[in-house]
């Protein structure tokens, strides 16, 4: 995969970058931690959307390494449509308490076999944000009764891992690395 093979609405997923994220990923069996979406490419690189500590953002892709996932059977999605979705939700703050809600949901599901209803509010973390955008496009990445988290996105039947990207510093370019497992 070359940089120009990334398509509008492809998702990126970052591996955990600190001890806390690595520990969480080890516990839940995930290889990724932070998620976002590619919007459009210009002469300075990719414009992306993600939810960070400041909330929903439209910014530049500046990560050194990421897995790239493609939403299956979407056809061509226009970047203008995605900008409109970002504008509709652009004042949503980061969902700081969703980690607690997700942890309770995950523990109850995995250890007691019980599901609690998902709580919806006007705050989003990064996984909630990519699920919300896909939902606005008419695509369900995960079932409605599941909390968005790395593992259910990584295992979504609606996503295809298309590669692992590394960004060269000072060039804004991306290089291909083979997808894990030769996918």
Foldseek 3Di string as FASTA:
>chain_A
DFQVPDAFFKKKFAADDDPVSVVVCVVVVFRTAFMWTFQDADPLATWIWFQDQAGIDTGHDDDFKIWIKDFPPLPHDHSVVVVVVCVVLVNAHADPCVVVVQVVQVCCCVPVVDFDADDDDSHYHGQRVSQVSCVVSVDHQADNRHDGGRVSNVVGPRMDGDFMWGADPPPNTIDTDADPPRD
